[in-house]
Amino acid sequence: MDEEEAAIIELVDENGKMDEFEHIMTIEHEGAEYVLLSPLKEMEEIKKDEVFIMKLTQKDGDDWLEPLDDEKLMDEVYEIYCDILNNEEEAER
C-alpha cells in the first residue's frame, strides 16, 4: 500500500449501522495497543476532523476494537499522539 493511501476500517455499531474510519495510527502504551481513527464523514457523536481512540484486543484469535471508557487513559494516549505529531513536524523543518 502506498504511504499516502489511507487505511480504511469499517466498524459496525450496536444498531448494525456501518461507519468508515481512516486509520491514523496505532500506539502502544503500558503493554496495550490503541488505534486512533478519524471518521470519513461527520457523525452525530464524532466530528470529521476528530480522533477517536479504541483499544485493540484479541478475541478467539481475531482483532477487536473496544471503546475506551477511561478518560485518563484516553488523555494519555492522545498526548502520545500529539507528541508524535510534534516530533514529525519538527523533523520536517
Protein backbone atom coordinates (compact mmCIF):
# COMPACT_ATOMS: atom_id res chain seq x y z
CA MET A 1 0.00 0.00 0.00
CA ASP A 2 1.26 3.48 -0.86
CA GLU A 3 2.16 5.58 2.21
CA GLU A 4 -0.24 8.28 1.05
CA GLU A 5 -3.10 5.80 0.70
CA ALA A 6 -5.40 5.81 3.74
CA ALA A 7 -6.21 2.58 5.51
CA ILE A 8 -9.98 2.37 5.88
CA ILE A 9 -11.59 0.48 8.76
CA GLU A 10 -15.30 -0.31 8.82
CA LEU A 11 -16.95 -0.53 12.23
CA VAL A 12 -20.47 -1.70 12.99
CA ASP A 13 -22.27 -0.06 15.91
CA GLU A 14 -24.71 -1.69 18.32
CA ASN A 15 -27.60 -0.88 15.94
CA GLY A 16 -25.93 -2.64 13.00
CA LYS A 17 -25.02 0.62 11.23
CA MET A 18 -21.64 0.55 9.47
CA ASP A 19 -19.34 3.58 9.52
CA GLU A 20 -15.98 4.03 7.83
CA PHE A 21 -12.93 5.42 9.56
CA GLU A 22 -9.42 6.30 8.46
CA HIS A 23 -6.75 4.52 10.50
CA ILE A 24 -4.47 7.32 11.70
CA MET A 25 -2.01 5.24 13.70
CA THR A 26 -1.63 2.53 16.33
CA ILE A 27 0.11 3.45 19.59
CA GLU A 28 1.49 1.11 22.20
CA HIS A 29 1.05 2.30 25.78
CA GLU A 30 1.62 0.36 29.01
CA GLY A 31 1.60 -3.01 27.24
CA ALA A 32 -1.61 -2.43 25.25
CA GLU A 33 -2.25 -1.16 21.72
CA TYR A 34 -4.59 1.69 20.91
CA VAL A 35 -5.92 2.51 17.45
CA LEU A 36 -6.55 6.12 16.50
CA LEU A 37 -9.30 6.60 13.93
CA SER A 38 -10.92 9.53 12.19
CA PRO A 39 -14.41 9.24 10.64
CA LEU A 40 -14.56 9.64 6.87
CA LYS A 41 -17.82 11.57 7.22
CA GLU A 42 -19.21 13.61 10.08
CA MET A 43 -21.11 11.58 12.62
CA GLU A 44 -23.53 12.63 15.34
CA GLU A 45 -21.06 11.94 18.17
CA ILE A 46 -17.73 12.44 16.36
CA LYS A 47 -16.82 15.29 14.03
CA LYS A 48 -14.95 14.54 10.79
CA ASP A 49 -11.66 16.09 11.97
CA GLU A 50 -11.66 14.49 15.43
CA VAL A 51 -9.60 11.50 16.51
CA PHE A 52 -11.38 8.51 18.02
CA ILE A 53 -9.33 6.13 20.22
CA MET A 54 -10.11 2.43 20.64
CA LYS A 55 -8.24 -0.38 22.38
CA LEU A 56 -7.03 -3.27 20.21
CA THR A 57 -7.83 -6.63 21.82
CA GLN A 58 -7.86 -10.29 20.78
CA LYS A 59 -10.98 -12.47 20.91
CA ASP A 60 -10.88 -16.02 19.57
CA GLY A 61 -7.71 -15.18 17.62
CA ASP A 62 -9.28 -12.16 15.88
CA ASP A 63 -8.51 -8.47 16.36
CA TRP A 64 -11.28 -6.47 18.04
CA LEU A 65 -11.57 -2.77 18.72
CA GLU A 66 -13.15 -1.79 22.02
CA PRO A 67 -14.18 1.73 23.03
CA LEU A 68 -12.28 3.36 25.89
CA ASP A 69 -14.24 4.47 28.93
CA ASP A 70 -11.22 5.63 30.93
CA GLU A 71 -10.85 9.40 30.39
CA LYS A 72 -7.35 9.47 31.93
CA LEU A 73 -6.15 6.68 29.64
CA MET A 74 -7.65 8.43 26.60
CA ASP A 75 -5.80 11.62 27.56
CA GLU A 76 -2.51 9.70 27.95
CA VAL A 77 -2.82 8.04 24.53
CA TYR A 78 -3.87 11.32 22.90
CA GLU A 79 -0.87 13.08 24.46
CA ILE A 80 1.46 10.43 22.96
CA TYR A 81 -0.22 11.01 19.59
CA CYS A 82 0.31 14.79 19.87
CA ASP A 83 3.98 14.26 20.83
CA ILE A 84 4.48 12.06 17.75
CA LEU A 85 2.88 14.70 15.51
CA ASN A 86 5.00 17.47 17.04
CA ASN A 87 8.19 15.42 16.59
CA GLU A 88 7.29 14.72 12.95
CA GLU A 89 6.67 18.43 12.33
CA GLU A 90 10.00 19.36 13.91
CA ALA A 91 11.83 16.73 11.83
CA GLU A 92 10.32 18.18 8.63
CA ARG A 93 11.71 21.67 9.40
